[in-house]
Protein backbone atom coordinates (compact mmCIF):
# COMPACT_ATOMS: atom_id res chain seq x y z
CA MET A 1 1.41 -8.18 -13.11
CA PHE A 2 -2.00 -7.93 -14.71
CA CYS A 3 -0.64 -8.64 -18.23
CA THR A 4 0.36 -12.31 -17.64
CA SER A 5 -1.26 -13.44 -20.82
CA MET A 6 1.89 -12.11 -22.52
CA LEU A 7 3.83 -14.79 -20.80
CA ASP A 8 2.21 -17.45 -23.05
CA VAL A 9 3.21 -15.28 -26.08
CA ALA A 10 6.78 -15.02 -24.94
CA GLU A 11 6.89 -18.78 -24.36
CA GLU A 12 5.47 -19.46 -27.89
CA LEU A 13 8.12 -17.21 -29.37
CA GLY A 14 10.91 -18.72 -27.28
CA VAL A 15 11.64 -15.31 -25.58
CA PRO A 16 12.50 -15.30 -21.97
CA SER A 17 9.95 -13.25 -19.97
CA TYR A 18 10.22 -11.08 -16.80
CA LEU A 19 7.62 -9.64 -14.64
CA PHE A 20 7.33 -6.33 -12.67
CA PHE A 21 5.54 -6.69 -9.40
CA PRO A 22 4.64 -3.30 -7.86
CA SER A 23 3.86 -4.60 -4.37
CA GLY A 24 6.48 -5.79 -1.92
CA ALA A 25 8.33 -9.06 -1.45
CA ALA A 26 6.18 -10.33 1.46
CA PHE A 27 3.04 -9.93 -0.54
CA LEU A 28 4.57 -11.78 -3.48
CA GLY A 29 5.54 -14.63 -1.23
CA PHE A 30 1.96 -14.49 0.18
CA THR A 31 0.51 -14.61 -3.30
CA PHE A 32 2.43 -17.77 -4.19
CA HIS A 33 1.84 -19.58 -0.88
CA ILE A 34 -1.87 -18.69 -0.75
CA GLN A 35 -2.33 -20.11 -4.28
CA THR A 36 -0.47 -23.31 -3.28
CA LEU A 37 -2.72 -23.66 -0.26
CA HIS A 38 -5.89 -23.14 -2.37
CA ASP A 39 -4.75 -25.54 -5.15
CA GLU A 40 -3.37 -28.35 -2.91
CA GLU A 41 -5.38 -28.11 0.25
CA GLY A 42 -8.59 -26.36 -0.81
CA PHE A 43 -7.89 -23.39 1.38
CA ASP A 44 -11.00 -21.13 1.90
CA ALA A 45 -9.83 -17.60 2.51
CA ALA A 46 -13.34 -16.17 3.11
CA ALA A 47 -13.87 -18.74 5.93
CA ALA A 48 -10.49 -17.97 7.44
CA ALA A 49 -11.24 -14.16 7.35
CA GLU A 50 -14.44 -14.67 9.26
CA SER A 51 -12.65 -16.62 12.06
CA THR A 52 -11.42 -14.59 15.02
CA GLU A 53 -8.80 -17.25 15.90
CA ALA A 54 -7.41 -18.27 12.53
CA GLU A 55 -3.66 -17.50 12.37
CA LEU A 56 -1.77 -18.53 9.14
CA VAL A 57 1.93 -19.16 8.87
CA PHE A 58 3.52 -17.99 5.50
CA PRO A 59 7.17 -18.48 4.61
CA GLY A 60 7.92 -14.73 4.00
CA LEU A 61 6.43 -13.50 7.35
CA VAL A 62 8.08 -13.72 10.66
CA ARG A 63 4.76 -13.65 12.57
CA PRO A 64 1.60 -15.65 11.89
CA LEU A 65 -0.97 -13.65 9.79
CA PRO A 66 -4.38 -13.23 11.42
CA GLY A 67 -7.18 -14.38 9.10
CA LYS A 68 -8.98 -11.16 9.63
CA VAL A 69 -6.36 -9.26 7.75
CA LEU A 70 -6.38 -11.43 4.59
CA PRO A 71 -6.66 -9.15 1.49
CA SER A 72 -10.22 -8.15 0.69
CA GLY A 73 -9.97 -9.41 -2.92
CA LEU A 74 -9.57 -13.06 -1.62
CA LEU A 75 -13.03 -12.79 -0.04
CA HIS A 76 -14.80 -12.47 -3.35
CA GLU A 77 -14.87 -15.70 -5.45
CA GLU A 78 -14.22 -13.98 -8.81
CA TRP A 79 -11.39 -11.83 -7.52
CA ALA A 80 -9.88 -14.82 -5.61
CA ALA A 81 -9.96 -16.98 -8.78
CA ALA A 82 -8.22 -14.28 -10.75
CA SER A 83 -5.49 -13.95 -7.94
CA TYR A 84 -4.77 -17.72 -7.94
CA ARG A 85 -4.59 -17.67 -11.75
CA MET A 86 -2.16 -14.87 -11.79
CA ALA A 87 0.05 -16.52 -9.22
CA ARG A 88 0.16 -19.73 -11.41
CA ASP A 89 1.12 -17.46 -14.43
CA PHE A 90 3.86 -15.61 -12.35
CA ARG A 91 5.67 -18.98 -12.04
CA LYS A 92 6.03 -19.00 -15.93
CA SER A 93 8.37 -16.03 -15.84
CA LYS A 94 12.09 -16.32 -15.70
CA GLY A 95 12.45 -13.62 -13.08
CA ILE A 96 10.33 -10.93 -11.12
CA LEU A 97 11.41 -7.46 -10.45
CA VAL A 98 9.95 -6.53 -7.14
CA ASN A 99 9.19 -2.96 -5.97
CA THR A 100 10.98 -3.38 -2.66
CA VAL A 101 14.36 -2.87 -0.96
CA LYS A 102 16.21 -5.91 0.27
CA GLU A 103 17.13 -4.25 3.58
CA LEU A 104 13.51 -3.40 4.24
CA GLU A 105 12.12 -6.89 3.52
CA SER A 106 15.26 -9.02 4.03
CA TYR A 107 13.22 -11.94 5.61
CA ALA A 108 10.74 -12.05 2.71
CA VAL A 109 13.43 -11.68 0.00
CA ASP A 110 15.54 -14.49 1.51
CA SER A 111 12.43 -16.62 1.88
CA LEU A 112 11.65 -16.22 -1.91
CA SER A 113 15.21 -17.10 -2.76
CA ARG A 114 14.91 -20.43 -1.18
CA THR A 115 11.90 -21.57 -3.28
CA GLU A 116 11.51 -22.94 -6.68
CA ASN A 117 9.81 -19.74 -7.85
CA PRO A 118 11.32 -17.46 -10.46
CA LYS A 119 14.37 -15.50 -9.44
CA VAL A 120 13.49 -12.26 -7.58
CA TYR A 121 15.21 -8.88 -8.12
CA PRO A 122 14.41 -6.28 -5.40
CA VAL A 123 14.72 -3.00 -7.42
CA GLY A 124 12.73 -0.55 -5.42
CA PRO A 125 11.57 1.87 -4.55
CA ILE A 126 10.09 2.77 -7.91
CA LEU A 127 8.95 6.41 -7.45
CA ASN A 128 8.00 9.35 -9.62
CA LEU A 129 9.17 12.38 -7.79
CA LYS A 130 9.63 14.62 -10.78
CA SER A 131 13.39 14.48 -10.63
CA GLY A 132 13.31 15.25 -6.95
CA ASP A 133 11.32 18.55 -7.28
CA THR A 134 8.32 18.04 -4.97
CA SER A 135 6.75 21.54 -5.26
CA PHE A 136 3.15 21.93 -5.99
CA GLU A 137 3.79 23.48 -9.35
CA SER A 138 6.16 20.69 -10.52
CA SER A 139 3.74 17.89 -9.54
CA GLY A 140 1.35 19.01 -12.26
CA PHE A 141 -1.11 20.53 -9.71
CA GLU A 142 -1.15 23.84 -11.31
CA ASP A 143 -1.66 22.83 -14.99
CA GLY A 144 -4.37 20.50 -14.13
CA LYS A 145 -2.98 17.37 -15.64
CA VAL A 146 -2.74 15.58 -12.44
CA ILE A 147 -6.17 16.61 -11.28
CA ARG A 148 -7.74 15.41 -14.51
CA TRP A 149 -6.02 12.12 -14.04
CA LEU A 150 -6.98 11.73 -10.50
CA ASP A 151 -10.69 12.64 -11.30
CA ARG A 152 -10.81 9.50 -13.44
CA GLN A 153 -9.56 7.22 -10.52
CA PRO A 154 -11.80 5.00 -8.37
CA ASP A 155 -13.57 6.53 -5.40
CA MET A 156 -12.09 4.22 -2.67
CA GLY A 157 -10.51 6.72 -0.36
CA ALA A 158 -13.41 9.15 0.21
CA PHE A 159 -15.71 8.94 3.18
CA ARG A 160 -19.43 9.49 3.71
CA GLY A 161 -20.89 12.18 6.04
CA GLU A 162 -21.06 10.23 9.28
CA GLN A 163 -17.53 8.94 9.08
CA VAL A 164 -16.31 12.43 8.12
CA ARG A 165 -17.70 13.86 11.24
CA GLU A 166 -16.04 11.19 13.35
CA ILE A 167 -12.63 11.92 11.73
CA ALA A 168 -13.21 15.59 12.43
CA SER A 169 -13.96 14.95 16.07
CA ALA A 170 -10.82 12.71 16.41
CA LEU A 171 -8.61 15.32 14.86
CA GLU A 172 -9.88 18.06 17.04
CA GLY A 173 -9.76 15.93 20.14
CA SER A 174 -6.15 14.83 19.45
CA GLY A 175 -4.90 18.38 19.72
CA HIS A 176 -2.37 17.74 16.98
CA ARG A 177 -1.74 19.83 13.83
CA PHE A 178 -3.21 18.44 10.63
CA LEU A 179 -3.71 18.87 6.90
CA TRP A 180 -6.88 17.00 5.79
CA SER A 181 -7.45 16.23 2.22
CA LEU A 182 -11.27 15.80 2.23
CA ARG A 183 -13.12 14.75 -0.98
CA ARG A 184 -16.76 13.98 -1.79
CA PRO A 185 -17.48 10.37 -2.66
CA GLY A 186 -18.58 9.91 -6.20
CA GLU A 187 -22.17 9.20 -7.19
CA GLY A 188 -23.13 5.99 -8.90
CA GLY A 189 -21.35 3.26 -6.99
CA PRO A 190 -17.88 2.38 -5.47
CA TRP A 191 -16.06 3.08 -8.76
CA ALA A 192 -17.41 6.61 -9.30
CA SER A 193 -14.86 9.32 -9.30
CA PRO A 194 -14.53 11.55 -6.12
CA THR A 195 -14.92 15.28 -6.37
CA ASP A 196 -14.10 18.28 -4.23
CA TYR A 197 -16.76 19.87 -2.03
CA GLU A 198 -17.95 23.28 -2.89
CA ASP A 199 -18.07 24.03 0.75
CA VAL A 200 -16.67 21.42 3.29
CA ARG A 201 -18.75 22.94 6.01
CA GLU A 202 -21.69 20.91 4.70
CA VAL A 203 -20.25 17.70 6.06
CA LEU A 204 -18.07 18.87 9.06
CA PRO A 205 -19.30 19.36 12.54
CA GLU A 206 -20.62 22.90 13.19
CA GLY A 207 -17.72 25.25 14.17
CA PHE A 208 -15.03 22.69 13.44
CA LEU A 209 -13.07 25.03 11.00
CA ASP A 210 -13.24 27.92 13.39
CA ARG A 211 -12.03 25.87 16.37
CA THR A 212 -9.21 24.32 14.60
CA ALA A 213 -8.16 27.34 12.43
CA GLU A 214 -4.81 27.64 14.24
CA VAL A 215 -3.80 23.97 14.07
CA GLY A 216 -5.33 22.47 10.94
CA ARG A 217 -6.38 23.05 7.35
CA VAL A 218 -9.03 21.24 5.30
CA MET A 219 -8.47 21.02 1.60
CA GLY A 220 -9.67 19.05 -1.51
CA TRP A 221 -7.11 17.19 -3.59
CA VAL A 222 -3.46 17.81 -2.71
CA PRO A 223 -0.24 16.45 -4.34
CA GLN A 224 0.64 13.70 -1.81
CA ALA A 225 4.43 13.46 -2.51
CA ALA A 226 4.83 17.29 -2.22
CA VAL A 227 2.96 17.33 1.12
CA LEU A 228 4.89 14.32 2.57
CA ALA A 229 8.27 15.76 1.40
CA HIS A 230 7.71 19.14 3.09
CA LYS A 231 9.20 18.06 6.43
CA SER A 232 10.01 14.71 6.33
CA SER A 233 6.01 7.65 3.26
CA VAL A 234 9.08 5.27 4.00
CA TRP A 235 10.98 7.29 1.37
CA PHE A 236 10.36 10.60 3.16
CA GLY A 237 10.54 9.13 6.63
CA VAL A 238 6.95 9.97 7.54
CA PRO A 239 5.37 7.67 10.19
CA MET A 240 1.99 6.20 9.28
CA ALA A 241 -1.33 5.18 10.97
CA THR A 242 -2.83 2.29 9.10
CA TRP A 243 -6.51 2.30 8.16
CA PRO A 244 -6.88 -0.16 5.24
CA MET A 245 -9.81 0.02 2.85
CA TYR A 246 -9.61 -2.46 -0.04
CA ALA A 247 -7.31 -4.80 -2.16
CA GLU A 248 -4.25 -5.96 -0.16
CA GLN A 249 -4.15 -3.03 2.14
CA GLN A 250 -5.10 -5.10 5.16
CA PHE A 251 -1.98 -7.25 4.51
CA ASN A 252 0.20 -4.13 4.01
CA ALA A 253 -1.17 -2.69 7.32
CA PHE A 254 -0.14 -5.90 9.15
CA LEU A 255 3.27 -5.76 7.46
CA LEU A 256 3.93 -2.16 8.51
CA VAL A 257 2.52 -2.48 12.03
CA GLU A 258 3.53 -5.93 13.12
CA GLU A 259 6.41 -7.16 10.86
CA LEU A 260 8.27 -3.95 10.33
CA GLU A 261 7.03 -1.98 13.31
CA ILE A 262 7.18 1.32 11.57
CA ALA A 263 3.46 2.29 11.70
CA THR A 264 0.62 2.35 14.27
CA GLU A 265 -2.77 1.03 13.86
CA VAL A 266 -6.19 2.59 13.55
CA ARG A 267 -7.80 -0.82 12.56
CA MET A 268 -5.93 -3.34 10.56
CA ASP A 269 -8.97 -5.49 9.67
CA TYR A 270 -11.28 -2.72 8.51
CA ARG A 271 -12.87 -3.26 5.01
CA SER A 272 -14.54 -0.49 3.10
CA GLU A 273 -17.42 -2.74 1.95
CA SER A 274 -18.56 -3.14 5.57
CA GLU A 275 -19.63 0.46 5.61
CA GLU A 276 -18.88 0.40 9.42
CA VAL A 277 -18.26 3.77 10.95
CA VAL A 278 -15.05 3.94 12.88
CA SER A 279 -15.65 5.90 16.12
CA ALA A 280 -13.87 9.21 16.96
CA GLU A 281 -12.46 7.57 20.01
CA GLU A 282 -10.84 4.81 18.09
CA LEU A 283 -9.43 7.19 15.53
CA GLU A 284 -8.15 9.61 18.18
CA ARG A 285 -6.29 6.75 19.90
CA GLY A 286 -4.61 5.99 16.49
CA ILE A 287 -3.57 9.54 15.94
CA ARG A 288 -2.15 9.96 19.38
CA SER A 289 -0.31 6.61 19.06
CA LEU A 290 1.10 7.82 15.80
CA MET A 291 2.19 11.16 17.11
CA GLU A 292 3.65 9.97 20.33
CA ASP A 293 5.33 6.62 19.63
CA CYS A 294 8.88 7.72 19.38
CA SER A 295 10.32 4.29 18.85
CA ARG A 296 8.32 3.75 15.62
CA LYS A 297 9.32 7.18 14.32
CA GLY A 298 12.91 6.36 14.90
CA ARG A 299 12.62 2.95 13.03
CA MET A 300 10.85 4.76 10.14
CA LYS A 301 13.66 7.27 9.94
CA GLY A 302 16.19 4.39 9.93
CA PHE A 303 14.38 2.63 7.14
CA SER A 304 14.07 5.87 5.14
CA ASP A 305 17.92 6.14 5.08
CA LEU A 306 18.33 2.50 4.02
CA VAL A 307 15.72 2.92 1.21
CA ARG A 308 17.52 5.96 -0.09
CA GLY A 309 20.88 4.26 0.00
CA ALA A 310 19.53 1.26 -1.90
CA LEU A 311 19.36 3.42 -5.03
CA THR A 312 22.83 4.84 -4.82
CA ASP A 313 25.85 3.33 -6.75
CA GLY A 314 26.68 0.03 -5.06
CA GLY A 315 23.33 0.09 -3.15
CA SER A 316 21.35 -3.12 -3.06
CA SER A 317 18.65 -2.09 -5.58
CA SER A 318 21.22 -0.62 -8.05
CA SER A 319 23.19 -3.88 -7.82
CA SER A 320 19.95 -5.87 -8.28
CA ILE A 321 19.10 -3.84 -11.46
CA ALA A 322 22.66 -4.47 -12.70
CA GLU A 323 22.28 -8.14 -12.01
CA PHE A 324 18.91 -8.21 -13.94
CA ILE A 325 20.48 -6.56 -16.97
CA GLY A 326 23.42 -8.98 -16.79
CA ASP A 327 20.98 -11.96 -16.70
CA VAL A 328 18.91 -10.70 -19.60
CA SER A 329 22.08 -9.99 -21.69
CA ASN A 330 23.31 -13.55 -21.05
CA ASN A 331 20.12 -15.24 -21.96
CA ASP A 332 20.52 -18.02 -24.53
CA LEU A 333 17.89 -17.05 -27.14
């Protein structure tokens, strides 16, 4: 999706071009519609995000989208311009492979099929689970390859000391068991790489590790897929509490909490650049809601079964992949 300049090359060579979109169908529909609103009506995303009353109607969403959960990238002029430019370029492709499952986002997929945009192929979920083996060793954890790769990634999921202490208080107050992957924010700006603490006690409340020794564990980096798969992500059927930070995560949080009703909310409109500290009380409410809302746990389990079924022979994603291959094979070059 970030290599749309190649679409012009394909057009010049007379070759049909296809695009892989790693986000879901609802966000693809949003991307198209927000670009149309901007180009034709001069829509100002930053102004809408500041409004407490703005609610926006999008073709791929059942419910109106509050302006406060517009993706963070649209609030910055340079990033917004790049997003609109990409959406215009997407329309040049002959088809778009979307990392979603039709049964999961049926409303959004059907909405896209009724537009003049390129044909959409729901081919997800695209996952790398190391051939189904989700042990710590097979994930690359032991040989260091994954760690070296992760150490080069942006520091966007690490918290500063005050927020760490609020999280700790919320976990302790909730009384629920936990595994906490706690990393030190990188030095040198928001894109600096996070690192592990030499001793996590330096940022945790005094006595926290002792008081929670029987119910929790605090670690540095952990292989996420292996942890999630241990007992139960939508793929693994694990319920989520949404606390968005950047990019389109605010939109994703709205989708999970309000549209699909498979997650609970910590705070959907949170943005990392605000540097606001979310209180322990608010976090604890989110944790308790996550652990005690049986209806959302049940819906998540149902969606997990649908997602897995989509990749089996005759499943919706397998059929969509076959349709894509057929369409490519039948292109008149």
